[in-house]
Amino acid sequence: MIEDAPNVVTEEGLRGLLADGFLLEVVCKEGAEKRHNSWHGTWIIRAVTEDGRDDKILVTSRSYLRVREFKTIVGLVSFLADMGCTVASIPLVEAEHALHAAPGQSSAPRTRPVLVKDS
């Protein structure tokens, strides 16, 4: 089934792509809002090449191709830390995004325009 969807990647596959030089892109799908002492919104993760020509969306598993969404900043930052990111740049406005490199690739998060589409 994963072969039928070459534009998706699992968490395990994402680690391999980051090691190969892909960048991790955090995309704000639904604007964030503060509720009490926590921020909530909807963010997705994409693996992208430096030139932006190849991108893969993070999915939940190989057997169930559903886009993995993060609903809180705490969950998103935890995921980024697990991926090896030592700096987390989180877009708070819908359709904004931030790029992160794997350790040893590049030090600073970067931004660029991106189109967000519903599945």
N, C-alpha and C. Protein backbone atom coordinates (compact mmCIF):
# COMPACT_ATOMS: atom_id res chain seq x y z
N MET A 1 0.82 -1.19 0.00
CA MET A 1 0.00 0.00 0.00
C MET A 1 0.87 1.26 0.00
N ILE A 2 1.97 1.27 0.74
CA ILE A 2 2.84 2.44 0.79
C ILE A 2 3.46 2.70 -0.59
N GLU A 3 3.65 1.65 -1.39
CA GLU A 3 4.19 1.83 -2.73
C GLU A 3 3.23 2.61 -3.61
N ASP A 4 1.92 2.54 -3.32
CA ASP A 4 0.92 3.26 -4.09
C ASP A 4 0.89 4.75 -3.72
N ALA A 5 1.55 5.12 -2.65
CA ALA A 5 1.55 6.51 -2.20
C ALA A 5 2.99 6.96 -1.96
N PRO A 6 3.72 7.28 -3.02
CA PRO A 6 5.14 7.64 -2.87
C PRO A 6 5.36 8.99 -2.19
N ASN A 7 4.31 9.77 -2.00
CA ASN A 7 4.46 11.09 -1.40
C ASN A 7 4.17 11.09 0.10
N VAL A 8 4.25 9.92 0.73
CA VAL A 8 4.04 9.82 2.18
C VAL A 8 5.23 9.11 2.81
N VAL A 9 5.38 9.30 4.13
CA VAL A 9 6.48 8.68 4.85
C VAL A 9 6.03 8.40 6.27
N THR A 10 6.51 7.30 6.84
CA THR A 10 6.24 6.98 8.24
C THR A 10 7.34 7.63 9.10
N GLU A 11 7.17 7.57 10.41
CA GLU A 11 8.16 8.14 11.32
C GLU A 11 9.53 7.51 11.10
N GLU A 12 9.57 6.21 10.95
CA GLU A 12 10.83 5.51 10.71
C GLU A 12 11.47 5.98 9.41
N GLY A 13 10.66 6.09 8.36
CA GLY A 13 11.16 6.56 7.07
C GLY A 13 11.64 8.00 7.13
N LEU A 14 10.96 8.81 7.94
CA LEU A 14 11.35 10.21 8.09
C LEU A 14 12.75 10.33 8.68
N ARG A 15 13.07 9.49 9.64
CA ARG A 15 14.41 9.51 10.22
C ARG A 15 15.48 9.25 9.15
N GLY A 16 15.19 8.30 8.27
CA GLY A 16 16.12 7.99 7.20
C GLY A 16 16.26 9.15 6.21
N LEU A 17 15.15 9.79 5.88
CA LEU A 17 15.20 10.93 4.96
C LEU A 17 15.98 12.09 5.56
N LEU A 18 15.80 12.33 6.86
CA LEU A 18 16.54 13.41 7.52
C LEU A 18 18.04 13.12 7.48
N ALA A 19 18.41 11.86 7.68
CA ALA A 19 19.83 11.47 7.61
C ALA A 19 20.38 11.66 6.20
N ASP A 20 19.50 11.55 5.19
CA ASP A 20 19.92 11.72 3.79
C ASP A 20 19.89 13.17 3.33
N GLY A 21 19.59 14.11 4.24
CA GLY A 21 19.63 15.52 3.88
C GLY A 21 18.29 16.20 3.67
N PHE A 22 17.19 15.46 3.80
CA PHE A 22 15.88 16.10 3.70
C PHE A 22 15.71 17.06 4.88
N LEU A 23 14.85 18.02 4.73
CA LEU A 23 14.48 18.93 5.81
C LEU A 23 13.13 18.54 6.36
N LEU A 24 12.90 18.82 7.62
CA LEU A 24 11.61 18.57 8.25
C LEU A 24 10.85 19.89 8.26
N GLU A 25 9.66 19.89 7.68
CA GLU A 25 8.86 21.10 7.60
C GLU A 25 7.62 20.96 8.48
N VAL A 26 7.42 21.91 9.37
CA VAL A 26 6.22 21.96 10.21
C VAL A 26 5.26 22.93 9.52
N VAL A 27 4.05 22.46 9.20
CA VAL A 27 3.05 23.29 8.54
C VAL A 27 1.86 23.47 9.47
N CYS A 28 1.45 24.71 9.67
CA CYS A 28 0.28 25.00 10.50
C CYS A 28 -0.96 24.85 9.62
N LYS A 29 -1.73 23.83 9.88
CA LYS A 29 -2.92 23.54 9.10
C LYS A 29 -4.14 24.29 9.65
N GLU A 30 -4.17 24.49 10.96
CA GLU A 30 -5.24 25.23 11.62
C GLU A 30 -4.59 26.14 12.65
N GLY A 31 -4.86 27.44 12.55
CA GLY A 31 -4.22 28.43 13.43
C GLY A 31 -4.29 28.06 14.90
N ALA A 32 -3.24 28.43 15.62
CA ALA A 32 -3.14 28.09 17.04
C ALA A 32 -3.89 29.10 17.90
N GLU A 33 -4.36 28.61 19.03
CA GLU A 33 -5.00 29.47 20.02
C GLU A 33 -4.59 29.02 21.40
N LYS A 34 -4.48 29.99 22.29
CA LYS A 34 -4.08 29.67 23.65
C LYS A 34 -5.31 29.35 24.48
N ARG A 35 -5.27 28.20 25.13
CA ARG A 35 -6.34 27.78 26.03
C ARG A 35 -5.70 27.54 27.39
N HIS A 36 -6.02 28.40 28.32
CA HIS A 36 -5.41 28.38 29.64
C HIS A 36 -3.90 28.56 29.48
N ASN A 37 -3.10 27.57 29.81
CA ASN A 37 -1.65 27.73 29.69
C ASN A 37 -1.06 26.86 28.57
N SER A 38 -1.88 26.45 27.62
CA SER A 38 -1.40 25.59 26.54
C SER A 38 -1.90 26.09 25.19
N TRP A 39 -1.13 25.83 24.15
CA TRP A 39 -1.50 26.22 22.79
C TRP A 39 -2.03 25.02 22.02
N HIS A 40 -3.15 25.22 21.32
CA HIS A 40 -3.79 24.17 20.53
C HIS A 40 -3.96 24.66 19.10
N GLY A 41 -3.86 23.75 18.17
CA GLY A 41 -4.03 24.03 16.74
C GLY A 41 -3.91 22.71 16.01
N THR A 42 -3.58 22.77 14.74
CA THR A 42 -3.32 21.54 13.98
C THR A 42 -2.09 21.77 13.12
N TRP A 43 -1.11 20.90 13.31
CA TRP A 43 0.13 20.96 12.56
C TRP A 43 0.39 19.62 11.90
N ILE A 44 0.98 19.65 10.71
CA ILE A 44 1.41 18.44 10.03
C ILE A 44 2.91 18.56 9.76
N ILE A 45 3.52 17.44 9.46
CA ILE A 45 4.95 17.37 9.18
C ILE A 45 5.16 16.89 7.75
N ARG A 46 6.09 17.55 7.06
CA ARG A 46 6.48 17.11 5.73
C ARG A 46 7.99 16.97 5.68
N ALA A 47 8.47 16.03 4.91
CA ALA A 47 9.90 15.91 4.61
C ALA A 47 10.07 16.56 3.23
N VAL A 48 10.96 17.52 3.12
CA VAL A 48 11.15 18.24 1.86
C VAL A 48 12.63 18.31 1.51
N THR A 49 12.91 18.40 0.23
CA THR A 49 14.28 18.59 -0.23
C THR A 49 14.59 20.08 -0.18
N GLU A 50 15.86 20.39 -0.20
CA GLU A 50 16.29 21.79 -0.15
C GLU A 50 15.67 22.61 -1.28
N ASP A 51 15.56 22.03 -2.46
CA ASP A 51 15.01 22.77 -3.60
C ASP A 51 13.48 22.74 -3.65
N GLY A 52 12.84 21.99 -2.74
CA GLY A 52 11.39 21.97 -2.66
C GLY A 52 10.69 21.12 -3.71
N ARG A 53 11.45 20.38 -4.52
CA ARG A 53 10.83 19.60 -5.59
C ARG A 53 10.24 18.28 -5.12
N ASP A 54 10.70 17.75 -4.03
CA ASP A 54 10.22 16.46 -3.54
C ASP A 54 9.73 16.64 -2.12
N ASP A 55 8.49 16.25 -1.86
CA ASP A 55 7.99 16.35 -0.50
C ASP A 55 7.18 15.11 -0.16
N LYS A 56 7.21 14.76 1.12
CA LYS A 56 6.50 13.59 1.61
C LYS A 56 5.82 13.98 2.93
N ILE A 57 4.55 13.65 3.05
CA ILE A 57 3.78 13.97 4.25
C ILE A 57 3.88 12.81 5.24
N LEU A 58 4.07 13.14 6.51
CA LEU A 58 4.15 12.14 7.57
C LEU A 58 2.78 11.51 7.79
N VAL A 59 2.74 10.17 7.77
CA VAL A 59 1.50 9.42 8.02
C VAL A 59 1.65 8.59 9.28
N THR A 60 0.53 8.10 9.79
CA THR A 60 0.52 7.39 11.07
C THR A 60 1.17 6.03 11.02
N SER A 61 0.96 5.26 9.95
CA SER A 61 1.56 3.93 9.85
C SER A 61 1.55 3.46 8.41
N ARG A 62 2.26 2.37 8.16
CA ARG A 62 2.30 1.79 6.81
C ARG A 62 0.96 1.17 6.40
N SER A 63 0.26 0.62 7.37
CA SER A 63 -0.98 -0.08 7.04
C SER A 63 -2.20 0.83 7.00
N TYR A 64 -2.09 2.02 7.61
CA TYR A 64 -3.23 2.93 7.65
C TYR A 64 -2.73 4.32 7.29
N LEU A 65 -2.81 4.66 6.01
CA LEU A 65 -2.24 5.90 5.50
C LEU A 65 -3.12 7.10 5.86
N ARG A 66 -2.93 7.60 7.07
CA ARG A 66 -3.66 8.77 7.53
C ARG A 66 -2.62 9.82 7.92
N VAL A 67 -2.81 11.07 7.49
CA VAL A 67 -1.87 12.12 7.81
C VAL A 67 -1.78 12.28 9.32
N ARG A 68 -0.56 12.28 9.84
CA ARG A 68 -0.37 12.45 11.28
C ARG A 68 -0.50 13.93 11.60
N GLU A 69 -1.43 14.25 12.50
CA GLU A 69 -1.66 15.63 12.91
C GLU A 69 -1.28 15.78 14.38
N PHE A 70 -0.71 16.92 14.69
CA PHE A 70 -0.37 17.27 16.06
C PHE A 70 -1.33 18.36 16.49
N LYS A 71 -1.95 18.19 17.65
CA LYS A 71 -2.99 19.11 18.11
C LYS A 71 -2.52 20.09 19.18
N THR A 72 -1.36 19.83 19.80
CA THR A 72 -0.82 20.75 20.80
C THR A 72 0.64 21.03 20.51
N ILE A 73 1.10 22.17 20.97
CA ILE A 73 2.51 22.51 20.78
C ILE A 73 3.39 21.56 21.58
N VAL A 74 2.93 21.14 22.75
CA VAL A 74 3.71 20.21 23.57
C VAL A 74 3.98 18.91 22.80
N GLY A 75 2.95 18.36 22.18
CA GLY A 75 3.12 17.13 21.40
C GLY A 75 4.04 17.34 20.21
N LEU A 76 3.90 18.48 19.54
CA LEU A 76 4.73 18.78 18.38
C LEU A 76 6.20 18.94 18.78
N VAL A 77 6.46 19.68 19.85
CA VAL A 77 7.84 19.88 20.30
C VAL A 77 8.45 18.55 20.74
N SER A 78 7.67 17.71 21.39
CA SER A 78 8.17 16.39 21.79
C SER A 78 8.57 15.58 20.56
N PHE A 79 7.74 15.62 19.52
CA PHE A 79 8.07 14.90 18.29
C PHE A 79 9.34 15.45 17.66
N LEU A 80 9.45 16.78 17.57
CA LEU A 80 10.65 17.39 16.98
C LEU A 80 11.91 16.99 17.76
N ALA A 81 11.81 16.98 19.08
CA ALA A 81 12.95 16.58 19.90
C ALA A 81 13.32 15.12 19.63
N ASP A 82 12.32 14.26 19.49
CA ASP A 82 12.57 12.85 19.17
C ASP A 82 13.25 12.69 17.81
N MET A 83 13.01 13.63 16.91
CA MET A 83 13.63 13.60 15.58
C MET A 83 15.03 14.18 15.59
N GLY A 84 15.46 14.68 16.76
CA GLY A 84 16.80 15.23 16.87
C GLY A 84 16.91 16.73 16.76
N CYS A 85 15.79 17.41 16.63
CA CYS A 85 15.82 18.87 16.53
C CYS A 85 16.12 19.48 17.90
N THR A 86 17.07 20.38 17.94
CA THR A 86 17.42 21.03 19.20
C THR A 86 16.81 22.42 19.30
N VAL A 87 16.23 22.90 18.21
CA VAL A 87 15.50 24.16 18.17
C VAL A 87 14.17 23.88 17.51
N ALA A 88 13.09 24.39 18.11
CA ALA A 88 11.76 24.19 17.54
C ALA A 88 11.16 25.53 17.15
N SER A 89 10.86 25.67 15.88
CA SER A 89 10.18 26.86 15.38
C SER A 89 8.77 26.43 14.99
N ILE A 90 7.77 26.99 15.68
CA ILE A 90 6.39 26.55 15.51
C ILE A 90 5.56 27.68 14.90
N PRO A 91 5.05 27.50 13.68
CA PRO A 91 4.17 28.52 13.10
C PRO A 91 2.82 28.51 13.81
N LEU A 92 2.29 29.69 14.13
CA LEU A 92 1.03 29.79 14.85
C LEU A 92 -0.14 30.19 13.97
N VAL A 93 0.14 30.62 12.74
CA VAL A 93 -0.89 31.09 11.82
C VAL A 93 -1.08 30.07 10.70
N GLU A 94 -2.34 29.82 10.35
CA GLU A 94 -2.67 28.86 9.30
C GLU A 94 -1.88 29.14 8.02
N ALA A 95 -1.35 28.07 7.42
CA ALA A 95 -0.59 28.07 6.17
C ALA A 95 0.85 28.52 6.34
N GLU A 96 1.26 28.97 7.52
CA GLU A 96 2.67 29.28 7.74
C GLU A 96 3.41 27.98 8.04
N HIS A 97 4.71 28.02 7.91
CA HIS A 97 5.52 26.81 8.11
C HIS A 97 6.92 27.19 8.55
N ALA A 98 7.64 26.19 9.02
CA ALA A 98 9.03 26.39 9.42
C ALA A 98 9.81 25.13 9.07
N LEU A 99 11.03 25.32 8.59
CA LEU A 99 11.90 24.21 8.22
C LEU A 99 12.91 23.93 9.33
N HIS A 100 13.20 22.64 9.52
CA HIS A 100 14.18 22.20 10.51
C HIS A 100 15.10 21.20 9.82
N ALA A 101 16.39 21.26 10.15
CA ALA A 101 17.35 20.32 9.60
C ALA A 101 17.74 19.30 10.67
N ALA A 102 18.10 18.14 10.23
CA ALA A 102 18.59 17.11 11.15
C ALA A 102 19.92 17.56 11.73
N PRO A 103 20.29 17.04 12.89
CA PRO A 103 21.58 17.42 13.48
C PRO A 103 22.72 17.20 12.48
N GLY A 104 23.60 18.19 12.41
CA GLY A 104 24.73 18.10 11.51
C GLY A 104 24.46 18.62 10.12
N GLN A 105 23.21 18.95 9.81
CA GLN A 105 22.88 19.46 8.47
C GLN A 105 23.00 20.99 8.43
N SER A 106 22.09 21.68 9.08
CA SER A 106 22.08 23.14 9.11
C SER A 106 21.55 23.56 10.47
N SER A 107 21.97 24.68 10.97
CA SER A 107 21.65 25.02 12.35
C SER A 107 20.34 25.78 12.54
N ALA A 108 19.94 26.62 11.61
CA ALA A 108 18.81 27.51 11.85
C ALA A 108 17.56 27.08 11.10
N PRO A 109 16.39 27.18 11.74
CA PRO A 109 15.14 26.95 11.02
C PRO A 109 14.98 28.02 9.93
N ARG A 110 14.34 27.64 8.83
CA ARG A 110 14.10 28.57 7.73
C ARG A 110 12.64 28.52 7.34
N THR A 111 12.16 29.53 6.65
CA THR A 111 10.78 29.55 6.20
C THR A 111 10.73 29.79 4.70
N ARG A 112 9.66 29.33 4.08
CA ARG A 112 9.40 29.58 2.66
C ARG A 112 7.91 29.39 2.42
N PRO A 113 7.36 29.93 1.32
CA PRO A 113 5.92 29.79 1.07
C PRO A 113 5.53 28.32 0.85
N VAL A 114 4.33 27.97 1.28
CA VAL A 114 3.82 26.61 1.08
C VAL A 114 2.32 26.67 0.94
N LEU A 115 1.77 25.81 0.11
CA LEU A 115 0.34 25.71 -0.06
C LEU A 115 -0.17 24.56 0.76
N VAL A 116 -1.17 24.80 1.60
CA VAL A 116 -1.73 23.75 2.44
C VAL A 116 -3.07 23.35 1.84
N LYS A 117 -3.22 22.04 1.55
CA LYS A 117 -4.46 21.52 0.98
C LYS A 117 -5.03 20.47 1.92
N ASP A 118 -6.35 20.44 2.03
CA ASP A 118 -6.99 19.37 2.79
C ASP A 118 -6.94 18.09 1.98
N SER A 119 -6.87 16.97 2.69
CA SER A 119 -6.80 15.67 2.02
C SER A 119 -8.11 15.31 1.40
